[in-house]
């Protein structure tokens, strides 16, 4: 059993007081933004329901979203558009998004250590630890993954209302077989990431909405 509090407890024991956790949602989808979040909990905070957003149901994520926002000392959420992803690439967009989410949280409280889900950020004036699969190892990163995922899913539900024929509510923009078939049928529109290969292939065929 993974101890979700291990990283935070070690840092508290070293004298750090306000530990932020950063994660993103939406690196893989073909459409919509990448959303990043940063969460700072009070020292010693425990909630065994909080875990990697991919490991819990949508209903539980929605409930935990409100719990996290209520219990956190500070949080930040940033949205980086498909257009910007195309301009600077998804890695840099995710890095920028995490930095912006951190800065938003940091306006409310002075974060003195940042944990990220496998993202190196060298531009901050505090220590940053990038943890592989961090969203399954740190409560702060896991909480950020939930805020990011719920926020992005809500954006996709809005997109689904605008373009119901693409069925975004079921595949959330990921390149499923059904999504690729619908994309080929209905074509590319502005919120698509045009540098992603499946989208580029449709553009090359001249299929636009």
C-alpha atoms as a PDB file:
ATOM      1  CA  UNK A   1       0.000   0.000   0.000  1.00  0.00           C
ATOM      2  CA  UNK A   2       1.430   3.370  -1.036  1.00  0.00           C
ATOM      3  CA  UNK A   3       1.700   5.996   1.685  1.00  0.00           C
ATOM      4  CA  UNK A   4       0.203   9.091   0.032  1.00  0.00           C
ATOM      5  CA  UNK A   5       1.556  11.312   2.821  1.00  0.00           C
ATOM      6  CA  UNK A   6       5.194  10.176   2.740  1.00  0.00           C
ATOM      7  CA  UNK A   7       6.664  13.013   0.646  1.00  0.00           C
ATOM      8  CA  UNK A   8       4.796  15.735   2.523  1.00  0.00           C
ATOM      9  CA  UNK A   9       5.675  14.289   5.951  1.00  0.00           C
ATOM     10  CA  UNK A  10       9.365  14.085   5.048  1.00  0.00           C
ATOM     11  CA  UNK A  11       9.365  17.720   3.917  1.00  0.00           C
ATOM     12  CA  UNK A  12       7.503  18.862   7.047  1.00  0.00           C
ATOM     13  CA  UNK A  13      10.155  17.078   9.130  1.00  0.00           C
ATOM     14  CA  UNK A  14      12.808  19.072   7.233  1.00  0.00           C
ATOM     15  CA  UNK A  15      11.115  22.329   8.220  1.00  0.00           C
ATOM     16  CA  UNK A  16       9.063  23.124   5.116  1.00  0.00           C
ATOM     17  CA  UNK A  17       5.670  24.550   5.965  1.00  0.00           C
ATOM     18  CA  UNK A  18       3.640  25.099   2.788  1.00  0.00           C
ATOM     19  CA  UNK A  19       4.015  22.290   0.257  1.00  0.00           C
ATOM     20  CA  UNK A  20       2.332  22.572  -3.131  1.00  0.00           C
ATOM     21  CA  UNK A  21       1.431  19.711  -5.429  1.00  0.00           C
ATOM     22  CA  UNK A  22       1.039  20.254  -9.209  1.00  0.00           C
ATOM     23  CA  UNK A  23      -0.480  18.100 -11.929  1.00  0.00           C
ATOM     24  CA  UNK A  24      -2.176  18.408 -15.306  1.00  0.00           C
ATOM     25  CA  UNK A  25      -5.034  16.790 -17.205  1.00  0.00           C
ATOM     26  CA  UNK A  26      -5.357  16.488 -20.943  1.00  0.00           C
ATOM     27  CA  UNK A  27      -1.964  15.921 -22.517  1.00  0.00           C
ATOM     28  CA  UNK A  28      -3.221  13.150 -24.776  1.00  0.00           C
ATOM     29  CA  UNK A  29      -6.549  14.414 -26.178  1.00  0.00           C
ATOM     30  CA  UNK A  30      -6.874  15.811 -29.687  1.00  0.00           C
ATOM     31  CA  UNK A  31      -9.162  18.662 -28.708  1.00  0.00           C
ATOM     32  CA  UNK A  32      -9.506  21.279 -25.998  1.00  0.00           C
ATOM     33  CA  UNK A  33      -7.032  22.694 -23.493  1.00  0.00           C
ATOM     34  CA  UNK A  34      -4.568  21.156 -21.105  1.00  0.00           C
ATOM     35  CA  UNK A  35      -5.593  22.078 -17.556  1.00  0.00           C
ATOM     36  CA  UNK A  36      -3.125  22.323 -14.674  1.00  0.00           C
ATOM     37  CA  UNK A  37      -3.687  22.714 -10.951  1.00  0.00           C
ATOM     38  CA  UNK A  38      -1.709  23.342  -7.777  1.00  0.00           C
ATOM     39  CA  UNK A  39      -2.925  22.474  -4.260  1.00  0.00           C
ATOM     40  CA  UNK A  40      -1.512  23.339  -0.822  1.00  0.00           C
ATOM     41  CA  UNK A  41      -3.022  21.542   2.167  1.00  0.00           C
ATOM     42  CA  UNK A  42      -2.586  22.440   5.855  1.00  0.00           C
ATOM     43  CA  UNK A  43       0.307  20.648   7.577  1.00  0.00           C
ATOM     44  CA  UNK A  44      -0.674  17.091   8.516  1.00  0.00           C
ATOM     45  CA  UNK A  45      -3.831  17.084   6.372  1.00  0.00           C
ATOM     46  CA  UNK A  46      -5.244  13.606   5.759  1.00  0.00           C
ATOM     47  CA  UNK A  47      -7.963  12.395   3.443  1.00  0.00           C
ATOM     48  CA  UNK A  48      -7.715   8.771   2.350  1.00  0.00           C
ATOM     49  CA  UNK A  49     -10.308   9.269  -0.410  1.00  0.00           C
ATOM     50  CA  UNK A  50      -7.949  11.499  -2.397  1.00  0.00           C
ATOM     51  CA  UNK A  51      -5.978   9.550  -4.987  1.00  0.00           C
ATOM     52  CA  UNK A  52      -4.802   9.720  -8.598  1.00  0.00           C
ATOM     53  CA  UNK A  53      -7.807  11.077 -10.549  1.00  0.00           C
ATOM     54  CA  UNK A  54      -7.542   8.155 -12.997  1.00  0.00           C
ATOM     55  CA  UNK A  55      -8.143   5.671 -10.164  1.00  0.00           C
ATOM     56  CA  UNK A  56     -11.445   7.108  -8.938  1.00  0.00           C
ATOM     57  CA  UNK A  57     -14.867   7.441 -10.526  1.00  0.00           C
ATOM     58  CA  UNK A  58     -16.165  10.644 -12.073  1.00  0.00           C
ATOM     59  CA  UNK A  59     -18.819  10.927  -9.344  1.00  0.00           C
ATOM     60  CA  UNK A  60     -16.140  10.690  -6.618  1.00  0.00           C
ATOM     61  CA  UNK A  61     -13.908  13.186  -8.436  1.00  0.00           C
ATOM     62  CA  UNK A  62     -16.773  15.686  -8.582  1.00  0.00           C
ATOM     63  CA  UNK A  63     -17.422  15.283  -4.842  1.00  0.00           C
ATOM     64  CA  UNK A  64     -13.723  15.529  -3.976  1.00  0.00           C
ATOM     65  CA  UNK A  65     -13.338  18.662  -6.125  1.00  0.00           C
ATOM     66  CA  UNK A  66     -15.452  20.598  -3.634  1.00  0.00           C
ATOM     67  CA  UNK A  67     -13.758  18.970  -0.621  1.00  0.00           C
ATOM     68  CA  UNK A  68     -10.280  19.872  -1.919  1.00  0.00           C
ATOM     69  CA  UNK A  69     -11.216  23.491  -2.674  1.00  0.00           C
ATOM     70  CA  UNK A  70     -12.786  23.801   0.776  1.00  0.00           C
ATOM     71  CA  UNK A  71      -9.925  22.127   2.700  1.00  0.00           C
ATOM     72  CA  UNK A  72      -6.917  23.544   0.822  1.00  0.00           C
ATOM     73  CA  UNK A  73      -4.999  26.501   2.224  1.00  0.00           C
ATOM     74  CA  UNK A  74      -4.567  27.624  -1.380  1.00  0.00           C
ATOM     75  CA  UNK A  75      -5.088  26.316  -4.893  1.00  0.00           C
ATOM     76  CA  UNK A  76      -4.618  27.469  -8.466  1.00  0.00           C
ATOM     77  CA  UNK A  77      -6.058  26.261 -11.776  1.00  0.00           C
ATOM     78  CA  UNK A  78      -4.786  27.260 -15.225  1.00  0.00           C
ATOM     79  CA  UNK A  79      -6.092  26.511 -18.712  1.00  0.00           C
ATOM     80  CA  UNK A  80      -3.771  26.451 -21.736  1.00  0.00           C
ATOM     81  CA  UNK A  81      -5.636  26.515 -25.053  1.00  0.00           C
ATOM     82  CA  UNK A  82      -5.257  24.168 -27.996  1.00  0.00           C
ATOM     83  CA  UNK A  83      -3.898  27.110 -30.007  1.00  0.00           C
ATOM     84  CA  UNK A  84      -1.102  27.660 -27.492  1.00  0.00           C
ATOM     85  CA  UNK A  85      -0.391  23.919 -27.307  1.00  0.00           C
ATOM     86  CA  UNK A  86       0.124  24.012 -31.083  1.00  0.00           C
ATOM     87  CA  UNK A  87       2.422  27.032 -30.751  1.00  0.00           C
ATOM     88  CA  UNK A  88       4.726  25.824 -27.956  1.00  0.00           C
ATOM     89  CA  UNK A  89       4.077  22.011 -27.852  1.00  0.00           C
ATOM     90  CA  UNK A  90       2.266  20.014 -25.182  1.00  0.00           C
ATOM     91  CA  UNK A  91       5.263  19.555 -22.865  1.00  0.00           C
ATOM     92  CA  UNK A  92       5.945  23.297 -22.688  1.00  0.00           C
ATOM     93  CA  UNK A  93       2.219  24.044 -22.430  1.00  0.00           C
ATOM     94  CA  UNK A  94       1.970  21.672 -19.447  1.00  0.00           C
ATOM     95  CA  UNK A  95       5.043  23.217 -17.862  1.00  0.00           C
ATOM     96  CA  UNK A  96       3.658  26.719 -18.375  1.00  0.00           C
ATOM     97  CA  UNK A  97       0.274  25.645 -17.007  1.00  0.00           C
ATOM     98  CA  UNK A  98       1.774  24.173 -13.847  1.00  0.00           C
ATOM     99  CA  UNK A  99       3.853  27.315 -13.335  1.00  0.00           C
ATOM    100  CA  UNK A 100       0.756  29.515 -13.689  1.00  0.00           C
ATOM    101  CA  UNK A 101      -1.258  27.306 -11.314  1.00  0.00           C
ATOM    102  CA  UNK A 102       1.594  27.474  -8.776  1.00  0.00           C
ATOM    103  CA  UNK A 103       1.745  31.281  -9.103  1.00  0.00           C
ATOM    104  CA  UNK A 104      -1.992  31.589  -8.535  1.00  0.00           C
ATOM    105  CA  UNK A 105      -1.826  29.450  -5.374  1.00  0.00           C
ATOM    106  CA  UNK A 106       1.312  31.278  -4.268  1.00  0.00           C
ATOM    107  CA  UNK A 107      -0.559  34.599  -4.278  1.00  0.00           C
ATOM    108  CA  UNK A 108      -2.604  33.292  -1.339  1.00  0.00           C
ATOM    109  CA  UNK A 109       0.184  31.618   0.604  1.00  0.00           C
ATOM    110  CA  UNK A 110       3.971  31.527   0.262  1.00  0.00           C
ATOM    111  CA  UNK A 111       4.686  28.023  -0.996  1.00  0.00           C
ATOM    112  CA  UNK A 112       8.160  26.897   0.066  1.00  0.00           C
ATOM    113  CA  UNK A 113       8.377  23.536  -1.729  1.00  0.00           C
ATOM    114  CA  UNK A 114       6.692  22.228  -4.886  1.00  0.00           C
ATOM    115  CA  UNK A 115       5.999  18.606  -5.845  1.00  0.00           C
ATOM    116  CA  UNK A 116       5.075  17.880  -9.453  1.00  0.00           C
ATOM    117  CA  UNK A 117       3.905  14.862 -11.391  1.00  0.00           C
ATOM    118  CA  UNK A 118       7.047  14.165 -13.414  1.00  0.00           C
ATOM    119  CA  UNK A 119       7.426  17.759 -14.579  1.00  0.00           C
ATOM    120  CA  UNK A 120      10.764  19.543 -14.269  1.00  0.00           C
ATOM    121  CA  UNK A 121      10.311  23.252 -13.552  1.00  0.00           C
ATOM    122  CA  UNK A 122      13.576  25.171 -13.189  1.00  0.00           C
ATOM    123  CA  UNK A 123      12.281  28.752 -13.296  1.00  0.00           C
ATOM    124  CA  UNK A 124      10.958  29.023  -9.723  1.00  0.00           C
ATOM    125  CA  UNK A 125      12.865  30.368  -6.746  1.00  0.00           C
ATOM    126  CA  UNK A 126      11.840  27.438  -4.503  1.00  0.00           C
ATOM    127  CA  UNK A 127      12.875  23.755  -4.576  1.00  0.00           C
ATOM    128  CA  UNK A 128      10.885  21.570  -6.973  1.00  0.00           C
ATOM    129  CA  UNK A 129      10.756  17.760  -6.878  1.00  0.00           C
ATOM    130  CA  UNK A 130       9.389  15.962  -9.941  1.00  0.00           C
ATOM    131  CA  UNK A 131       8.002  12.554  -8.973  1.00  0.00           C
ATOM    132  CA  UNK A 132       7.300   9.838 -11.545  1.00  0.00           C
ATOM    133  CA  UNK A 133       3.621   8.820 -11.156  1.00  0.00           C
ATOM    134  CA  UNK A 134       3.432  11.479  -8.467  1.00  0.00           C
ATOM    135  CA  UNK A 135      -0.369  11.579  -8.633  1.00  0.00           C
ATOM    136  CA  UNK A 136      -0.387   8.063  -7.140  1.00  0.00           C
ATOM    137  CA  UNK A 137       2.269   8.814  -4.488  1.00  0.00           C
ATOM    138  CA  UNK A 138       1.517  12.282  -3.043  1.00  0.00           C
ATOM    139  CA  UNK A 139      -1.781  13.590  -1.665  1.00  0.00           C
ATOM    140  CA  UNK A 140      -0.981  17.130  -2.856  1.00  0.00           C
ATOM    141  CA  UNK A 141      -0.297  16.031  -6.440  1.00  0.00           C
ATOM    142  CA  UNK A 142      -3.311  13.674  -6.386  1.00  0.00           C
ATOM    143  CA  UNK A 143      -5.544  16.548  -5.254  1.00  0.00           C
ATOM    144  CA  UNK A 144      -4.174  18.726  -8.069  1.00  0.00           C
ATOM    145  CA  UNK A 145      -4.878  15.910 -10.550  1.00  0.00           C
ATOM    146  CA  UNK A 146      -8.531  15.872  -9.422  1.00  0.00           C
ATOM    147  CA  UNK A 147      -8.961  19.659  -9.747  1.00  0.00           C
ATOM    148  CA  UNK A 148      -7.357  19.571 -13.207  1.00  0.00           C
ATOM    149  CA  UNK A 149      -9.350  16.564 -14.441  1.00  0.00           C
ATOM    150  CA  UNK A 150     -12.744  17.810 -13.207  1.00  0.00           C
ATOM    151  CA  UNK A 151     -12.114  21.283 -14.645  1.00  0.00           C
ATOM    152  CA  UNK A 152     -11.106  19.847 -18.028  1.00  0.00           C
ATOM    153  CA  UNK A 153     -14.043  17.440 -18.122  1.00  0.00           C
ATOM    154  CA  UNK A 154     -16.425  20.359 -17.476  1.00  0.00           C
ATOM    155  CA  UNK A 155     -14.863  22.242 -20.410  1.00  0.00           C
ATOM    156  CA  UNK A 156     -15.411  19.170 -22.625  1.00  0.00           C
ATOM    157  CA  UNK A 157     -19.037  18.878 -21.518  1.00  0.00           C
ATOM    158  CA  UNK A 158     -19.522  22.487 -22.609  1.00  0.00           C
ATOM    159  CA  UNK A 159     -17.870  21.639 -25.931  1.00  0.00           C
ATOM    160  CA  UNK A 160     -20.203  18.647 -26.232  1.00  0.00           C
ATOM    161  CA  UNK A 161     -23.230  20.949 -25.912  1.00  0.00           C
ATOM    162  CA  UNK A 162     -21.804  23.151 -28.649  1.00  0.00           C
ATOM    163  CA  UNK A 163     -20.864  20.247 -30.965  1.00  0.00           C
ATOM    164  CA  UNK A 164     -23.023  17.262 -29.891  1.00  0.00           C
ATOM    165  CA  UNK A 165     -22.255  15.264 -33.043  1.00  0.00           C
ATOM    166  CA  UNK A 166     -18.644  14.701 -31.873  1.00  0.00           C
ATOM    167  CA  UNK A 167     -19.781  12.933 -28.659  1.00  0.00           C
ATOM    168  CA  UNK A 168     -17.149  14.645 -26.481  1.00  0.00           C
ATOM    169  CA  UNK A 169     -19.043  13.709 -23.311  1.00  0.00           C
ATOM    170  CA  UNK A 170     -18.124  10.050 -23.796  1.00  0.00           C
ATOM    171  CA  UNK A 171     -14.512  10.175 -25.053  1.00  0.00           C
ATOM    172  CA  UNK A 172     -13.434  13.582 -23.584  1.00  0.00           C
ATOM    173  CA  UNK A 173     -11.395  14.337 -26.704  1.00  0.00           C
ATOM    174  CA  UNK A 174      -9.090  11.308 -26.477  1.00  0.00           C
ATOM    175  CA  UNK A 175      -8.268   9.571 -29.781  1.00  0.00           C
ATOM    176  CA  UNK A 176     -10.679   6.641 -29.438  1.00  0.00           C
ATOM    177  CA  UNK A 177     -11.780   4.717 -32.526  1.00  0.00           C
ATOM    178  CA  UNK A 178     -15.209   6.382 -32.374  1.00  0.00           C
ATOM    179  CA  UNK A 179     -13.732   9.880 -31.965  1.00  0.00           C
ATOM    180  CA  UNK A 180     -11.445   9.388 -34.977  1.00  0.00           C
ATOM    181  CA  UNK A 181     -14.408   8.204 -37.068  1.00  0.00           C
ATOM    182  CA  UNK A 182     -16.482  11.250 -36.026  1.00  0.00           C
ATOM    183  CA  UNK A 183     -13.552  13.585 -36.682  1.00  0.00           C
ATOM    184  CA  UNK A 184     -13.189  12.171 -40.202  1.00  0.00           C
ATOM    185  CA  UNK A 185     -16.932  12.569 -40.749  1.00  0.00           C
ATOM    186  CA  UNK A 186     -17.441  16.087 -39.376  1.00  0.00           C
ATOM    187  CA  UNK A 187     -13.997  17.667 -39.697  1.00  0.00           C
ATOM    188  CA  UNK A 188     -11.648  19.860 -37.675  1.00  0.00           C
ATOM    189  CA  UNK A 189     -12.671  23.073 -35.895  1.00  0.00           C
ATOM    190  CA  UNK A 190     -10.799  25.689 -33.840  1.00  0.00           C
ATOM    191  CA  UNK A 191     -10.503  23.837 -30.524  1.00  0.00           C
ATOM    192  CA  UNK A 192      -8.642  20.932 -32.149  1.00  0.00           C
ATOM    193  CA  UNK A 193      -4.879  20.596 -31.671  1.00  0.00           C
ATOM    194  CA  UNK A 194      -3.722  20.901 -35.240  1.00  0.00           C
ATOM    195  CA  UNK A 195      -0.158  19.669 -34.628  1.00  0.00           C
ATOM    196  CA  UNK A 196      -1.409  16.305 -33.306  1.00  0.00           C
ATOM    197  CA  UNK A 197      -0.967  13.662 -35.982  1.00  0.00           C
ATOM    198  CA  UNK A 198      -4.559  12.316 -36.218  1.00  0.00           C
ATOM    199  CA  UNK A 199      -5.837  15.903 -36.540  1.00  0.00           C
ATOM    200  CA  UNK A 200      -3.115  16.829 -39.024  1.00  0.00           C
ATOM    201  CA  UNK A 201      -4.110  13.810 -41.120  1.00  0.00           C
ATOM    202  CA  UNK A 202      -7.698  15.096 -41.324  1.00  0.00           C
ATOM    203  CA  UNK A 203      -6.464  18.618 -42.186  1.00  0.00           C
ATOM    204  CA  UNK A 204      -4.274  17.142 -44.943  1.00  0.00           C
ATOM    205  CA  UNK A 205      -7.419  15.534 -46.377  1.00  0.00           C
ATOM    206  CA  UNK A 206      -9.076  18.971 -46.341  1.00  0.00           C
ATOM    207  CA  UNK A 207     -11.874  17.966 -43.944  1.00  0.00           C
ATOM    208  CA  UNK A 208     -12.973  21.018 -41.943  1.00  0.00           C
ATOM    209  CA  UNK A 209     -16.171  21.727 -40.091  1.00  0.00           C
END
